[in-house]
N, C-alpha and C. Protein backbone atom coordinates (compact mmCIF):
# COMPACT_ATOMS: atom_id res chain seq x y z
N MET A 1 0.82 -1.18 0.00
CA MET A 1 0.00 0.00 0.00
C MET A 1 0.87 1.24 0.00
N THR A 2 0.34 2.23 -0.66
CA THR A 2 1.08 3.49 -0.67
C THR A 2 0.76 4.26 0.59
N GLU A 3 1.56 5.25 0.82
CA GLU A 3 1.38 6.03 2.04
C GLU A 3 0.06 6.80 2.03
N THR A 4 -0.35 7.29 0.89
CA THR A 4 -1.59 8.06 0.77
C THR A 4 -2.79 7.16 1.02
N SER A 5 -2.81 5.99 0.41
CA SER A 5 -3.95 5.09 0.61
C SER A 5 -3.98 4.56 2.03
N ALA A 6 -2.83 4.33 2.65
CA ALA A 6 -2.79 3.87 4.03
C ALA A 6 -3.31 4.95 4.95
N THR A 7 -2.98 6.20 4.65
CA THR A 7 -3.46 7.32 5.45
C THR A 7 -4.97 7.43 5.33
N LYS A 8 -5.48 7.28 4.13
CA LYS A 8 -6.94 7.35 3.91
C LYS A 8 -7.65 6.23 4.66
N GLU A 9 -7.11 5.05 4.61
CA GLU A 9 -7.69 3.91 5.30
C GLU A 9 -7.70 4.13 6.80
N LEU A 10 -6.61 4.66 7.32
CA LEU A 10 -6.51 4.95 8.74
C LEU A 10 -7.54 5.99 9.16
N LEU A 11 -7.71 7.03 8.35
CA LEU A 11 -8.70 8.06 8.64
C LEU A 11 -10.12 7.49 8.61
N ARG A 12 -10.42 6.64 7.65
CA ARG A 12 -11.74 6.01 7.56
C ARG A 12 -12.02 5.17 8.80
N GLU A 13 -11.07 4.38 9.22
CA GLU A 13 -11.25 3.51 10.38
C GLU A 13 -11.43 4.34 11.64
N THR A 14 -10.68 5.42 11.76
CA THR A 14 -10.80 6.30 12.91
C THR A 14 -12.18 6.94 12.94
N ALA A 15 -12.65 7.43 11.80
CA ALA A 15 -13.98 8.05 11.71
C ALA A 15 -15.05 7.04 12.04
N ARG A 16 -14.89 5.83 11.59
CA ARG A 16 -15.86 4.78 11.86
C ARG A 16 -15.93 4.50 13.36
N ARG A 17 -14.78 4.38 14.00
CA ARG A 17 -14.76 4.05 15.43
C ARG A 17 -15.26 5.21 16.29
N LEU A 18 -14.87 6.42 15.92
CA LEU A 18 -15.30 7.58 16.70
C LEU A 18 -16.73 7.99 16.35
N GLY A 19 -17.16 7.79 15.12
CA GLY A 19 -18.48 8.23 14.66
C GLY A 19 -19.61 7.30 15.05
N THR A 20 -19.34 6.03 15.27
CA THR A 20 -20.38 5.06 15.58
C THR A 20 -21.14 5.42 16.85
N PRO A 21 -20.47 5.73 17.94
CA PRO A 21 -21.23 6.10 19.15
C PRO A 21 -22.04 7.38 18.94
N VAL A 22 -21.48 8.34 18.22
CA VAL A 22 -22.20 9.58 17.94
C VAL A 22 -23.43 9.28 17.08
N TRP A 23 -23.27 8.48 16.06
CA TRP A 23 -24.39 8.14 15.16
C TRP A 23 -25.50 7.42 15.94
N HIS A 24 -25.12 6.54 16.86
CA HIS A 24 -26.13 5.83 17.65
C HIS A 24 -26.93 6.80 18.52
N ARG A 25 -26.30 7.90 18.95
CA ARG A 25 -27.03 8.88 19.75
C ARG A 25 -27.86 9.82 18.87
N VAL A 26 -27.38 10.15 17.71
CA VAL A 26 -28.05 11.12 16.83
C VAL A 26 -29.14 10.45 15.99
N ARG A 27 -28.97 9.22 15.66
CA ARG A 27 -29.89 8.52 14.75
C ARG A 27 -31.36 8.60 15.18
N PRO A 28 -31.74 8.33 16.43
CA PRO A 28 -33.16 8.42 16.80
C PRO A 28 -33.74 9.82 16.56
N HIS A 29 -32.94 10.85 16.78
CA HIS A 29 -33.42 12.22 16.55
C HIS A 29 -33.64 12.48 15.05
N VAL A 30 -32.71 12.01 14.26
CA VAL A 30 -32.84 12.16 12.79
C VAL A 30 -34.06 11.40 12.30
N GLU A 31 -34.24 10.18 12.78
CA GLU A 31 -35.39 9.38 12.35
C GLU A 31 -36.71 10.02 12.79
N ALA A 32 -36.72 10.62 13.97
CA ALA A 32 -37.94 11.29 14.44
C ALA A 32 -38.27 12.50 13.57
N ILE A 33 -37.26 13.26 13.21
CA ILE A 33 -37.48 14.43 12.35
C ILE A 33 -38.00 13.98 10.98
N VAL A 34 -37.38 12.97 10.43
CA VAL A 34 -37.81 12.45 9.12
C VAL A 34 -39.24 11.91 9.20
N ALA A 35 -39.55 11.19 10.30
CA ALA A 35 -40.90 10.63 10.46
C ALA A 35 -41.93 11.75 10.54
N ARG A 36 -41.63 12.85 11.26
CA ARG A 36 -42.57 13.98 11.33
C ARG A 36 -42.78 14.61 9.96
N GLN A 37 -41.71 14.77 9.21
CA GLN A 37 -41.82 15.36 7.88
C GLN A 37 -42.63 14.46 6.94
N VAL A 38 -42.38 13.17 7.01
CA VAL A 38 -43.12 12.22 6.17
C VAL A 38 -44.59 12.20 6.55
N GLU A 39 -44.87 12.22 7.85
CA GLU A 39 -46.25 12.22 8.32
C GLU A 39 -46.98 13.48 7.88
N ALA A 40 -46.32 14.62 7.99
CA ALA A 40 -46.93 15.88 7.56
C ALA A 40 -47.22 15.85 6.05
N ARG A 41 -46.29 15.35 5.28
CA ARG A 41 -46.49 15.26 3.82
C ARG A 41 -47.61 14.28 3.50
N ASN A 42 -47.67 13.16 4.22
CA ASN A 42 -48.75 12.20 4.01
C ASN A 42 -50.12 12.82 4.31
N ARG A 43 -50.20 13.60 5.40
CA ARG A 43 -51.47 14.28 5.73
C ARG A 43 -51.86 15.26 4.63
N GLN A 44 -50.86 15.99 4.14
CA GLN A 44 -51.12 16.95 3.07
C GLN A 44 -51.62 16.25 1.81
N LEU A 45 -50.98 15.15 1.45
CA LEU A 45 -51.40 14.39 0.27
C LEU A 45 -52.79 13.78 0.47
N LEU A 46 -53.08 13.32 1.68
CA LEU A 46 -54.41 12.77 1.97
C LEU A 46 -55.48 13.85 1.85
N ASP A 47 -55.20 15.05 2.35
CA ASP A 47 -56.15 16.17 2.21
C ASP A 47 -56.38 16.51 0.74
N GLU A 48 -55.31 16.55 -0.04
CA GLU A 48 -55.45 16.82 -1.47
C GLU A 48 -56.28 15.75 -2.15
N LEU A 49 -56.06 14.50 -1.77
CA LEU A 49 -56.82 13.39 -2.35
C LEU A 49 -58.30 13.51 -2.00
N ARG A 50 -58.61 13.87 -0.76
CA ARG A 50 -60.01 14.06 -0.36
C ARG A 50 -60.66 15.19 -1.15
N GLN A 51 -59.93 16.28 -1.33
CA GLN A 51 -60.47 17.40 -2.11
C GLN A 51 -60.72 16.98 -3.56
N MET A 52 -59.80 16.23 -4.11
CA MET A 52 -59.97 15.76 -5.49
C MET A 52 -61.16 14.81 -5.59
N SER A 53 -61.34 13.98 -4.57
CA SER A 53 -62.46 13.05 -4.56
C SER A 53 -63.78 13.80 -4.49
N LEU A 54 -63.85 14.83 -3.66
CA LEU A 54 -65.06 15.65 -3.58
C LEU A 54 -65.33 16.36 -4.90
N ALA A 55 -64.28 16.87 -5.52
CA ALA A 55 -64.44 17.54 -6.81
C ALA A 55 -64.91 16.55 -7.87
N ASP A 56 -64.39 15.33 -7.81
CA ASP A 56 -64.80 14.29 -8.76
C ASP A 56 -66.26 13.94 -8.57
N GLU A 57 -66.69 13.80 -7.32
CA GLU A 57 -68.09 13.49 -7.05
C GLU A 57 -69.00 14.62 -7.53
N ALA A 58 -68.59 15.86 -7.32
CA ALA A 58 -69.38 17.00 -7.77
C ALA A 58 -69.46 17.02 -9.30
N ALA A 59 -68.35 16.73 -9.95
CA ALA A 59 -68.34 16.71 -11.42
C ALA A 59 -69.23 15.60 -11.95
N ARG A 60 -69.19 14.44 -11.30
CA ARG A 60 -70.05 13.33 -11.73
C ARG A 60 -71.53 13.68 -11.53
N ALA A 61 -71.86 14.33 -10.42
CA ALA A 61 -73.25 14.73 -10.18
C ALA A 61 -73.70 15.73 -11.24
N GLU A 62 -72.84 16.67 -11.57
CA GLU A 62 -73.18 17.66 -12.61
C GLU A 62 -73.34 16.97 -13.96
N LEU A 63 -72.48 16.01 -14.25
CA LEU A 63 -72.58 15.27 -15.51
C LEU A 63 -73.89 14.50 -15.57
N ASP A 64 -74.27 13.85 -14.48
CA ASP A 64 -75.55 13.14 -14.45
C ASP A 64 -76.72 14.10 -14.67
N ARG A 65 -76.64 15.26 -14.03
CA ARG A 65 -77.71 16.25 -14.19
C ARG A 65 -77.79 16.72 -15.65
N LEU A 66 -76.64 16.97 -16.25
CA LEU A 66 -76.62 17.42 -17.64
C LEU A 66 -77.08 16.32 -18.59
N CYS A 67 -76.75 15.08 -18.30
CA CYS A 67 -77.21 13.97 -19.14
C CYS A 67 -78.73 13.89 -19.10
N GLY A 68 -79.30 14.10 -17.92
CA GLY A 68 -80.75 14.11 -17.80
C GLY A 68 -81.37 15.23 -18.60
N ARG A 69 -80.76 16.40 -18.55
CA ARG A 69 -81.28 17.53 -19.32
C ARG A 69 -81.16 17.28 -20.82
N VAL A 70 -80.05 16.69 -21.25
CA VAL A 70 -79.87 16.39 -22.67
C VAL A 70 -80.91 15.38 -23.13
N ALA A 71 -81.15 14.35 -22.31
CA ALA A 71 -82.16 13.35 -22.68
C ALA A 71 -83.54 13.99 -22.76
N TRP A 72 -83.86 14.88 -21.82
CA TRP A 72 -85.15 15.56 -21.85
C TRP A 72 -85.26 16.43 -23.10
N THR A 73 -84.19 17.17 -23.41
CA THR A 73 -84.20 18.04 -24.58
C THR A 73 -84.35 17.22 -25.86
N GLU A 74 -83.65 16.11 -25.93
CA GLU A 74 -83.75 15.24 -27.10
C GLU A 74 -85.17 14.71 -27.26
N ASN A 75 -85.79 14.31 -26.17
CA ASN A 75 -87.16 13.82 -26.21
C ASN A 75 -88.11 14.93 -26.66
N GLU A 76 -87.94 16.13 -26.12
CA GLU A 76 -88.80 17.25 -26.49
C GLU A 76 -88.61 17.60 -27.98
N LEU A 77 -87.39 17.58 -28.44
CA LEU A 77 -87.12 17.87 -29.85
C LEU A 77 -87.78 16.84 -30.74
N ARG A 78 -87.70 15.58 -30.36
CA ARG A 78 -88.33 14.51 -31.13
C ARG A 78 -89.85 14.68 -31.13
N ARG A 79 -90.39 15.05 -29.97
CA ARG A 79 -91.83 15.22 -29.86
C ARG A 79 -92.31 16.42 -30.64
N MET A 80 -91.55 17.50 -30.61
CA MET A 80 -91.98 18.73 -31.26
C MET A 80 -91.77 18.70 -32.77
N SER A 81 -90.90 17.83 -33.26
CA SER A 81 -90.62 17.81 -34.70
C SER A 81 -91.87 17.46 -35.50
N ALA A 82 -92.70 16.56 -34.96
CA ALA A 82 -93.94 16.21 -35.65
C ALA A 82 -94.89 17.41 -35.67
N HIS A 83 -94.97 18.12 -34.57
CA HIS A 83 -95.83 19.31 -34.51
C HIS A 83 -95.32 20.39 -35.46
N LEU A 84 -94.02 20.54 -35.52
CA LEU A 84 -93.44 21.53 -36.41
C LEU A 84 -93.73 21.18 -37.87
N ALA A 85 -93.64 19.90 -38.21
CA ALA A 85 -93.94 19.49 -39.58
C ALA A 85 -95.41 19.78 -39.91
N ALA A 86 -96.31 19.53 -38.96
CA ALA A 86 -97.73 19.82 -39.20
C ALA A 86 -97.96 21.31 -39.36
N LEU A 87 -97.31 22.12 -38.52
CA LEU A 87 -97.45 23.57 -38.65
C LEU A 87 -96.87 24.07 -39.97
N ASP A 88 -95.78 23.48 -40.39
CA ASP A 88 -95.17 23.84 -41.66
C ASP A 88 -96.13 23.56 -42.81
N GLU A 89 -96.81 22.43 -42.76
CA GLU A 89 -97.78 22.09 -43.80
C GLU A 89 -98.94 23.08 -43.80
N ARG A 90 -99.42 23.43 -42.62
CA ARG A 90 -100.53 24.39 -42.54
C ARG A 90 -100.11 25.74 -43.06
N LEU A 91 -98.89 26.15 -42.74
CA LEU A 91 -98.38 27.43 -43.22
C LEU A 91 -98.22 27.41 -44.73
N ALA A 92 -97.72 26.30 -45.26
CA ALA A 92 -97.57 26.17 -46.72
C ALA A 92 -98.93 26.25 -47.40
N ALA A 93 -99.94 25.66 -46.78
CA ALA A 93 -101.28 25.71 -47.36
C ALA A 93 -101.81 27.14 -47.34
N MET A 94 -101.48 27.90 -46.32
CA MET A 94 -101.93 29.28 -46.25
C MET A 94 -101.18 30.18 -47.22
N GLU A 95 -99.93 29.84 -47.51
CA GLU A 95 -99.13 30.65 -48.42
C GLU A 95 -99.58 30.46 -49.87
N ARG A 96 -100.10 29.29 -50.20
CA ARG A 96 -100.57 29.04 -51.58
C ARG A 96 -101.94 29.68 -51.75
N PRO A 97 -102.05 30.60 -52.62
CA PRO A 97 -103.39 31.16 -52.84
C PRO A 97 -104.24 30.14 -53.60
N PRO A 98 -105.48 30.03 -53.20
CA PRO A 98 -106.32 29.08 -53.93
C PRO A 98 -106.53 29.56 -55.37
N ALA A 99 -106.58 28.58 -56.23
CA ALA A 99 -106.81 28.92 -57.65
C ALA A 99 -108.26 29.35 -57.81
N VAL A 100 -108.40 30.54 -58.27
CA VAL A 100 -109.75 31.08 -58.47
C VAL A 100 -110.10 30.95 -59.94
N PRO A 101 -111.13 30.17 -60.24
CA PRO A 101 -111.50 30.05 -61.65
C PRO A 101 -112.11 31.36 -62.15
N GLU A 102 -111.69 31.69 -63.33
CA GLU A 102 -112.22 32.93 -63.91
C GLU A 102 -113.69 32.76 -64.30
N GLN A 103 -113.99 31.61 -64.76
CA GLN A 103 -115.38 31.36 -65.13
C GLN A 103 -115.77 30.04 -64.51
N GLY A 104 -116.97 29.91 -64.12
CA GLY A 104 -117.43 28.74 -63.40
C GLY A 104 -117.82 27.59 -64.30
N GLY A 105 -116.89 27.05 -65.05
CA GLY A 105 -117.19 25.94 -65.94
C GLY A 105 -117.13 24.61 -65.20
N ALA A 106 -117.75 23.59 -65.78
CA ALA A 106 -117.78 22.26 -65.18
C ALA A 106 -116.38 21.66 -65.15
N ASP A 107 -115.60 21.94 -66.19
CA ASP A 107 -114.22 21.41 -66.22
C ASP A 107 -113.38 22.01 -65.10
N GLN A 108 -113.57 23.27 -64.86
CA GLN A 108 -112.80 23.93 -63.81
C GLN A 108 -113.20 23.41 -62.43
N ALA A 109 -114.44 23.16 -62.21
CA ALA A 109 -114.90 22.62 -60.94
C ALA A 109 -114.34 21.22 -60.73
N GLU A 110 -114.33 20.44 -61.80
CA GLU A 110 -113.78 19.09 -61.70
C GLU A 110 -112.28 19.15 -61.45
N ALA A 111 -111.57 20.08 -62.11
CA ALA A 111 -110.13 20.25 -61.91
C ALA A 111 -109.85 20.69 -60.48
N ARG A 112 -110.68 21.59 -59.97
CA ARG A 112 -110.51 22.06 -58.60
C ARG A 112 -110.70 20.90 -57.61
N ALA A 113 -111.68 20.06 -57.84
CA ALA A 113 -111.93 18.90 -56.98
C ALA A 113 -110.74 17.94 -57.02
N LEU A 114 -110.18 17.74 -58.22
CA LEU A 114 -109.01 16.87 -58.35
C LEU A 114 -107.80 17.45 -57.61
N ILE A 115 -107.61 18.75 -57.73
CA ILE A 115 -106.48 19.40 -57.04
C ILE A 115 -106.64 19.24 -55.53
N ASP A 116 -107.85 19.46 -55.03
CA ASP A 116 -108.10 19.30 -53.59
C ASP A 116 -107.86 17.86 -53.15
N GLU A 117 -108.30 16.91 -53.97
CA GLU A 117 -108.10 15.50 -53.65
C GLU A 117 -106.61 15.14 -53.64
N ILE A 118 -105.86 15.67 -54.59
CA ILE A 118 -104.41 15.41 -54.66
C ILE A 118 -103.72 16.01 -53.45
N ARG A 119 -104.11 17.23 -53.07
CA ARG A 119 -103.51 17.86 -51.90
C ARG A 119 -103.81 17.05 -50.63
N GLY A 120 -105.01 16.58 -50.51
CA GLY A 120 -105.38 15.74 -49.37
C GLY A 120 -104.58 14.46 -49.34
N GLU A 121 -104.43 13.83 -50.50
CA GLU A 121 -103.64 12.60 -50.57
C GLU A 121 -102.18 12.87 -50.22
N HIS A 122 -101.65 13.99 -50.69
CA HIS A 122 -100.27 14.36 -50.35
C HIS A 122 -100.13 14.54 -48.84
N ALA A 123 -101.10 15.17 -48.21
CA ALA A 123 -101.05 15.36 -46.76
C ALA A 123 -101.08 14.00 -46.05
N ARG A 124 -101.91 13.08 -46.52
CA ARG A 124 -101.98 11.76 -45.89
C ARG A 124 -100.66 10.99 -46.09
N VAL A 125 -100.07 11.12 -47.25
CA VAL A 125 -98.79 10.45 -47.52
C VAL A 125 -97.70 11.01 -46.60
N ARG A 126 -97.68 12.35 -46.46
CA ARG A 126 -96.69 12.93 -45.55
C ARG A 126 -96.90 12.45 -44.11
N ALA A 127 -98.13 12.35 -43.70
CA ALA A 127 -98.43 11.86 -42.35
C ALA A 127 -97.96 10.42 -42.20
N ARG A 128 -98.19 9.60 -43.20
CA ARG A 128 -97.74 8.20 -43.14
C ARG A 128 -96.22 8.12 -43.09
N LEU A 129 -95.57 8.93 -43.92
CA LEU A 129 -94.10 8.91 -43.92
C LEU A 129 -93.54 9.37 -42.57
N THR A 130 -94.19 10.36 -41.97
CA THR A 130 -93.76 10.80 -40.64
C THR A 130 -93.93 9.67 -39.63
N ALA A 131 -95.07 8.97 -39.70
CA ALA A 131 -95.30 7.85 -38.78
C ALA A 131 -94.26 6.75 -38.99
N ILE A 132 -93.95 6.47 -40.24
CA ILE A 132 -92.94 5.44 -40.53
C ILE A 132 -91.57 5.86 -39.99
N ALA A 133 -91.22 7.15 -40.18
CA ALA A 133 -89.93 7.63 -39.67
C ALA A 133 -89.87 7.52 -38.16
N ARG A 134 -90.95 7.86 -37.47
CA ARG A 134 -90.99 7.73 -36.01
C ARG A 134 -90.83 6.27 -35.60
N TYR A 135 -91.53 5.39 -36.31
CA TYR A 135 -91.47 3.97 -35.99
C TYR A 135 -90.04 3.45 -36.18
N GLU A 136 -89.41 3.82 -37.29
CA GLU A 136 -88.04 3.37 -37.54
C GLU A 136 -87.09 3.93 -36.48
N GLU A 137 -87.30 5.17 -36.08
CA GLU A 137 -86.45 5.76 -35.04
C GLU A 137 -86.62 5.01 -33.73
N ARG A 138 -87.84 4.69 -33.38
CA ARG A 138 -88.10 3.96 -32.15
C ARG A 138 -87.45 2.57 -32.19
N ILE A 139 -87.59 1.89 -33.33
CA ILE A 139 -86.95 0.58 -33.49
C ILE A 139 -85.44 0.72 -33.31
N GLY A 140 -84.86 1.76 -33.90
CA GLY A 140 -83.41 1.98 -33.77
C GLY A 140 -83.00 2.19 -32.32
N ARG A 141 -83.79 2.97 -31.56
CA ARG A 141 -83.47 3.19 -30.15
C ARG A 141 -83.59 1.89 -29.36
N LEU A 142 -84.63 1.12 -29.64
CA LEU A 142 -84.81 -0.16 -28.94
C LEU A 142 -83.68 -1.12 -29.27
N GLU A 143 -83.26 -1.16 -30.53
CA GLU A 143 -82.14 -2.03 -30.90
C GLU A 143 -80.86 -1.59 -30.21
N ALA A 144 -80.64 -0.27 -30.14
CA ALA A 144 -79.43 0.23 -29.47
C ALA A 144 -79.47 -0.11 -27.98
N ALA A 145 -80.63 0.03 -27.37
CA ALA A 145 -80.76 -0.31 -25.95
C ALA A 145 -80.54 -1.80 -25.73
N LEU A 146 -81.08 -2.61 -26.61
CA LEU A 146 -80.91 -4.05 -26.51
C LEU A 146 -79.44 -4.43 -26.70
N ALA A 147 -78.78 -3.79 -27.66
CA ALA A 147 -77.37 -4.08 -27.90
C ALA A 147 -76.54 -3.67 -26.69
N GLY A 148 -76.88 -2.53 -26.06
CA GLY A 148 -76.18 -2.10 -24.86
C GLY A 148 -76.38 -3.06 -23.71
N ARG A 149 -77.60 -3.57 -23.57
CA ARG A 149 -77.90 -4.53 -22.50
C ARG A 149 -77.17 -5.84 -22.76
N ASP A 150 -77.14 -6.28 -24.02
CA ASP A 150 -76.43 -7.52 -24.35
C ASP A 150 -74.94 -7.37 -24.08
N THR A 151 -74.37 -6.22 -24.42
CA THR A 151 -72.95 -5.96 -24.18
C THR A 151 -72.66 -6.00 -22.69
N ALA A 152 -73.53 -5.35 -21.91
CA ALA A 152 -73.33 -5.32 -20.45
C ALA A 152 -73.46 -6.73 -19.87
N THR A 153 -74.38 -7.53 -20.39
CA THR A 153 -74.58 -8.88 -19.89
C THR A 153 -73.36 -9.75 -20.21
N HIS A 154 -72.82 -9.58 -21.42
CA HIS A 154 -71.68 -10.41 -21.82
C HIS A 154 -70.42 -10.01 -21.07
N THR A 155 -70.25 -8.73 -20.75
CA THR A 155 -69.04 -8.32 -20.04
C THR A 155 -69.08 -8.71 -18.59
N THR A 156 -70.30 -8.74 -17.97
CA THR A 156 -70.37 -9.12 -16.57
C THR A 156 -70.49 -10.62 -16.40
N GLY A 157 -70.98 -11.31 -17.44
CA GLY A 157 -71.19 -12.77 -17.33
C GLY A 157 -70.00 -13.47 -17.73
């Protein structure tokens, strides 16, 4: 061994022998300080977690409330669309001026009767198409609900 490394080794051994009793006396104090700091940080993190949990619960409640409002709005929109279509038809009928025959001939009266009959048939066809569209929409919602229930059953089963 060289003189420098022997000196270093001697210093290390001396520090070890002299430092061990000191470390045994100081260690409990150091551990107590560290434990207090860790406990304080744990309490702080626990408080933050509780606050986040409360905020999460509030956000979920607001989301549920908004989902209910969206479902209600969607239902009202679906319900009102049929009324709006009927009002649109009535307005269109009011906007069309009736054809006024210049002279009261039999052909004109027959033509007027045919026009009225065609308009009535058109109104009935539109009503049927609206009913069919509603029926198809309802079937689609029922199929979607059934598919969702089947998916939930398969994932839990």
